[in-house]
Amino acid sequence: MIGLGAFVSFTTAITGYFKFRERAFNLQQTADAIEQHVTAYDLAIAPYNQAGETTNLERLAESVESLRVEQRKREQQLEQPHQGQQEVI
């Protein structure tokens, strides 16, 4: 019984530390946004309805790179320790 309690405590701590749910949510959100931009590009929907394929492709690349940068920032925020927690002496 004690071993089961220790196991549950350990797995809860690991899950809280690595924040799997938040990471998965952020990754899915970014993937969905990229998919939305690619679909808009394929269907020539705004903002990818400008004359000239090169212009639209550049706009798509900029949008995707912007989304990737935002994703990296969210990942870095998850890796930082909580600001409100301080050691009590």
C-alpha atoms as a PDB file:
ATOM      1  CA  MET A   1       0.000   0.000   0.000  1.00  0.00           C
ATOM      2  CA  ILE A   2       2.836   2.364   0.845  1.00  0.00           C
ATOM      3  CA  GLY A   3       4.535   1.520  -2.446  1.00  0.00           C
ATOM      4  CA  LEU A   4       1.368   2.390  -4.373  1.00  0.00           C
ATOM      5  CA  GLY A   5       1.093   5.732  -2.578  1.00  0.00           C
ATOM      6  CA  ALA A   6       4.735   6.519  -3.302  1.00  0.00           C
ATOM      7  CA  PHE A   7       4.252   5.570  -6.960  1.00  0.00           C
ATOM      8  CA  VAL A   8       1.204   7.827  -7.310  1.00  0.00           C
ATOM      9  CA  SER A   9       3.053  10.712  -5.642  1.00  0.00           C
ATOM     10  CA  PHE A  10       6.050  10.205  -7.909  1.00  0.00           C
ATOM     11  CA  THR A  11       4.021  10.083 -11.125  1.00  0.00           C
ATOM     12  CA  THR A  12       2.026  13.148 -10.065  1.00  0.00           C
ATOM     13  CA  ALA A  13       5.245  15.061  -9.424  1.00  0.00           C
ATOM     14  CA  ILE A  14       6.697  14.043 -12.801  1.00  0.00           C
ATOM     15  CA  THR A  15       3.510  15.023 -14.606  1.00  0.00           C
ATOM     16  CA  GLY A  16       3.423  18.391 -12.834  1.00  0.00           C
ATOM     17  CA  TYR A  17       7.090  19.043 -13.519  1.00  0.00           C
ATOM     18  CA  PHE A  18       7.084  18.270 -17.234  1.00  0.00           C
ATOM     19  CA  LYS A  19       3.564  19.665 -17.885  1.00  0.00           C
ATOM     20  CA  PHE A  20       2.672  17.199 -20.628  1.00  0.00           C
ATOM     21  CA  ARG A  21      -0.887  18.459 -21.009  1.00  0.00           C
ATOM     22  CA  GLU A  22       0.126  22.100 -21.503  1.00  0.00           C
ATOM     23  CA  ARG A  23       2.836  21.151 -23.987  1.00  0.00           C
ATOM     24  CA  ALA A  24       0.463  18.973 -25.990  1.00  0.00           C
ATOM     25  CA  PHE A  25      -2.202  21.688 -26.002  1.00  0.00           C
ATOM     26  CA  ASN A  26       0.279  24.321 -27.206  1.00  0.00           C
ATOM     27  CA  LEU A  27       1.665  22.050 -29.919  1.00  0.00           C
ATOM     28  CA  GLN A  28      -1.822  21.148 -31.148  1.00  0.00           C
ATOM     29  CA  GLN A  29      -2.841  24.805 -31.185  1.00  0.00           C
ATOM     30  CA  THR A  30       0.206  25.716 -33.291  1.00  0.00           C
ATOM     31  CA  ALA A  31      -0.347  22.791 -35.660  1.00  0.00           C
ATOM     32  CA  ASP A  32      -3.978  23.791 -36.160  1.00  0.00           C
ATOM     33  CA  ALA A  33      -2.998  27.392 -36.913  1.00  0.00           C
ATOM     34  CA  ILE A  34      -0.375  26.277 -39.452  1.00  0.00           C
ATOM     35  CA  GLU A  35      -2.904  23.944 -41.076  1.00  0.00           C
ATOM     36  CA  GLN A  36      -5.383  26.813 -41.314  1.00  0.00           C
ATOM     37  CA  HIS A  37      -2.813  29.006 -43.089  1.00  0.00           C
ATOM     38  CA  VAL A  38      -1.837  26.229 -45.502  1.00  0.00           C
ATOM     39  CA  THR A  39      -5.498  25.584 -46.352  1.00  0.00           C
ATOM     40  CA  ALA A  40      -6.092  29.293 -46.920  1.00  0.00           C
ATOM     41  CA  TYR A  41      -3.048  29.366 -49.205  1.00  0.00           C
ATOM     42  CA  ASP A  42      -4.218  26.305 -51.170  1.00  0.00           C
ATOM     43  CA  LEU A  43      -7.710  27.759 -51.623  1.00  0.00           C
ATOM     44  CA  ALA A  44      -6.431  31.295 -52.324  1.00  0.00           C
ATOM     45  CA  ILE A  45      -8.435  32.737 -49.439  1.00  0.00           C
ATOM     46  CA  ALA A  46      -7.454  36.028 -47.755  1.00  0.00           C
ATOM     47  CA  PRO A  47      -4.749  36.936 -46.946  1.00  0.00           C
ATOM     48  CA  TYR A  48      -3.383  34.651 -49.701  1.00  0.00           C
ATOM     49  CA  ASN A  49      -5.551  35.935 -52.536  1.00  0.00           C
ATOM     50  CA  GLN A  50      -3.065  38.473 -53.868  1.00  0.00           C
ATOM     51  CA  ALA A  51      -1.908  38.322 -57.463  1.00  0.00           C
ATOM     52  CA  GLY A  52       1.398  36.530 -57.644  1.00  0.00           C
ATOM     53  CA  GLU A  53       2.221  33.146 -56.206  1.00  0.00           C
ATOM     54  CA  THR A  54       5.587  34.353 -54.913  1.00  0.00           C
ATOM     55  CA  THR A  55       3.965  37.045 -52.771  1.00  0.00           C
ATOM     56  CA  ASN A  56       1.481  34.574 -51.314  1.00  0.00           C
ATOM     57  CA  LEU A  57       4.190  32.013 -50.631  1.00  0.00           C
ATOM     58  CA  GLU A  58       6.327  34.628 -48.857  1.00  0.00           C
ATOM     59  CA  ARG A  59       3.332  35.626 -46.733  1.00  0.00           C
ATOM     60  CA  LEU A  60       2.692  31.965 -45.854  1.00  0.00           C
ATOM     61  CA  ALA A  61       6.324  31.445 -44.856  1.00  0.00           C
ATOM     62  CA  GLU A  62       6.249  34.556 -42.662  1.00  0.00           C
ATOM     63  CA  SER A  63       3.038  33.414 -40.959  1.00  0.00           C
ATOM     64  CA  VAL A  64       4.346  29.926 -40.273  1.00  0.00           C
ATOM     65  CA  GLU A  65       7.646  31.251 -38.925  1.00  0.00           C
ATOM     66  CA  SER A  66       5.759  33.665 -36.668  1.00  0.00           C
ATOM     67  CA  LEU A  67       3.699  30.781 -35.297  1.00  0.00           C
ATOM     68  CA  ARG A  68       6.849  28.734 -34.677  1.00  0.00           C
ATOM     69  CA  VAL A  69       8.440  31.626 -32.757  1.00  0.00           C
ATOM     70  CA  GLU A  70       5.316  31.979 -30.603  1.00  0.00           C
ATOM     71  CA  GLN A  71       5.407  28.226 -29.913  1.00  0.00           C
ATOM     72  CA  ARG A  72       9.053  28.414 -28.824  1.00  0.00           C
ATOM     73  CA  LYS A  73       8.195  31.266 -26.445  1.00  0.00           C
ATOM     74  CA  ARG A  74       5.376  29.246 -24.893  1.00  0.00           C
ATOM     75  CA  GLU A  75       7.717  26.273 -24.450  1.00  0.00           C
ATOM     76  CA  GLN A  76      10.279  28.491 -22.728  1.00  0.00           C
ATOM     77  CA  GLN A  77       7.611  29.843 -20.381  1.00  0.00           C
ATOM     78  CA  LEU A  78       6.684  26.289 -19.397  1.00  0.00           C
ATOM     79  CA  GLU A  79      10.329  25.501 -18.643  1.00  0.00           C
ATOM     80  CA  GLN A  80      10.750  28.470 -16.309  1.00  0.00           C
ATOM     81  CA  PRO A  81      10.044  27.940 -12.623  1.00  0.00           C
ATOM     82  CA  HIS A  82       6.992  29.659 -11.173  1.00  0.00           C
ATOM     83  CA  GLN A  83       7.754  33.292 -10.341  1.00  0.00           C
ATOM     84  CA  GLY A  84       5.536  33.336  -7.255  1.00  0.00           C
ATOM     85  CA  GLN A  85       7.290  30.482  -5.489  1.00  0.00           C
ATOM     86  CA  GLN A  86      10.152  31.391  -3.196  1.00  0.00           C
ATOM     87  CA  GLU A  87      11.987  29.323  -0.654  1.00  0.00           C
ATOM     88  CA  VAL A  88      10.869  29.719   2.915  1.00  0.00           C
ATOM     89  CA  ILE A  89      13.718  29.756   5.403  1.00  0.00           C
END
